[in-house]
Amino acid sequence: MAKDKKTGGFQSAAGLIRYFDNEDEKALKLSPVVVMALCAVTIAIVVLATALFPT
């Protein structure tokens, strides 16, 4: 039987956690409500455009 090769996933995951744990102070921060509102507006625009300009 062949042995499974282990790649040290925990150590690489720890590096990613440390990378994503650092938050940039200058980064754009949006609340979840704003993101959901933008999604709803985008969906409404696509539906409206499909209704007004059928192919």
C-alpha atoms as a PDB file:
ATOM      1  CA  MET A   1       0.000   0.000   0.000  1.00  0.00           C
ATOM      2  CA  ALA A   2       1.157   3.499  -0.786  1.00  0.00           C
ATOM      3  CA  LYS A   3       1.482   5.917   2.077  1.00  0.00           C
ATOM      4  CA  ASP A   4      -0.444   9.170   1.977  1.00  0.00           C
ATOM      5  CA  LYS A   5       1.836  12.140   1.663  1.00  0.00           C
ATOM      6  CA  LYS A   6       1.170  14.739   4.351  1.00  0.00           C
ATOM      7  CA  THR A   7       1.880  18.330   3.429  1.00  0.00           C
ATOM      8  CA  GLY A   8       1.680  20.130   6.770  1.00  0.00           C
ATOM      9  CA  GLY A   9      -1.722  21.666   6.203  1.00  0.00           C
ATOM     10  CA  PHE A  10      -1.962  23.068   9.706  1.00  0.00           C
ATOM     11  CA  GLN A  11       1.135  25.216   9.325  1.00  0.00           C
ATOM     12  CA  SER A  12       0.016  26.657   6.003  1.00  0.00           C
ATOM     13  CA  ALA A  13      -3.485  27.268   7.374  1.00  0.00           C
ATOM     14  CA  ALA A  14      -1.970  29.095  10.339  1.00  0.00           C
ATOM     15  CA  GLY A  15      -0.193  31.426   7.927  1.00  0.00           C
ATOM     16  CA  LEU A  16      -3.447  32.178   6.110  1.00  0.00           C
ATOM     17  CA  ILE A  17      -5.252  32.836   9.374  1.00  0.00           C
ATOM     18  CA  ARG A  18      -2.523  35.230  10.413  1.00  0.00           C
ATOM     19  CA  TYR A  19      -2.663  36.947   6.983  1.00  0.00           C
ATOM     20  CA  PHE A  20      -6.437  37.399   7.023  1.00  0.00           C
ATOM     21  CA  ASP A  21      -6.457  38.358  10.701  1.00  0.00           C
ATOM     22  CA  ASN A  22      -4.559  41.550   9.872  1.00  0.00           C
ATOM     23  CA  GLU A  23      -7.078  44.191   8.866  1.00  0.00           C
ATOM     24  CA  ASP A  24      -5.973  47.215   6.938  1.00  0.00           C
ATOM     25  CA  GLU A  25      -7.052  50.471   8.519  1.00  0.00           C
ATOM     26  CA  LYS A  26      -7.456  52.120   5.089  1.00  0.00           C
ATOM     27  CA  ALA A  27      -9.586  49.337   3.640  1.00  0.00           C
ATOM     28  CA  LEU A  28     -13.116  50.037   2.478  1.00  0.00           C
ATOM     29  CA  LYS A  29     -15.545  48.703   5.060  1.00  0.00           C
ATOM     30  CA  LEU A  30     -19.143  47.980   4.071  1.00  0.00           C
ATOM     31  CA  SER A  31     -21.870  46.821   6.366  1.00  0.00           C
ATOM     32  CA  PRO A  32     -23.770  43.665   5.406  1.00  0.00           C
ATOM     33  CA  VAL A  33     -26.920  45.752   4.883  1.00  0.00           C
ATOM     34  CA  VAL A  34     -25.178  47.810   2.192  1.00  0.00           C
ATOM     35  CA  VAL A  35     -23.924  44.680   0.440  1.00  0.00           C
ATOM     36  CA  MET A  36     -27.410  43.136   0.428  1.00  0.00           C
ATOM     37  CA  ALA A  37     -28.920  46.400  -0.848  1.00  0.00           C
ATOM     38  CA  LEU A  38     -26.389  46.560  -3.690  1.00  0.00           C
ATOM     39  CA  CYS A  39     -27.212  42.956  -4.618  1.00  0.00           C
ATOM     40  CA  ALA A  40     -30.936  43.723  -4.644  1.00  0.00           C
ATOM     41  CA  VAL A  41     -30.426  46.810  -6.812  1.00  0.00           C
ATOM     42  CA  THR A  42     -28.254  44.868  -9.257  1.00  0.00           C
ATOM     43  CA  ILE A  43     -30.867  42.108  -9.528  1.00  0.00           C
ATOM     44  CA  ALA A  44     -33.608  44.691 -10.096  1.00  0.00           C
ATOM     45  CA  ILE A  45     -31.597  46.375 -12.865  1.00  0.00           C
ATOM     46  CA  VAL A  46     -30.975  43.056 -14.626  1.00  0.00           C
ATOM     47  CA  VAL A  47     -34.633  42.018 -14.399  1.00  0.00           C
ATOM     48  CA  LEU A  48     -35.790  45.436 -15.623  1.00  0.00           C
ATOM     49  CA  ALA A  49     -33.321  45.424 -18.513  1.00  0.00           C
ATOM     50  CA  THR A  50     -34.436  41.920 -19.501  1.00  0.00           C
ATOM     51  CA  ALA A  51     -38.084  43.025 -19.485  1.00  0.00           C
ATOM     52  CA  LEU A  52     -37.447  46.220 -21.457  1.00  0.00           C
ATOM     53  CA  PHE A  53     -35.007  44.787 -24.002  1.00  0.00           C
ATOM     54  CA  PRO A  54     -35.982  41.195 -24.834  1.00  0.00           C
ATOM     55  CA  THR A  55     -33.799  39.381 -27.315  1.00  0.00           C
END
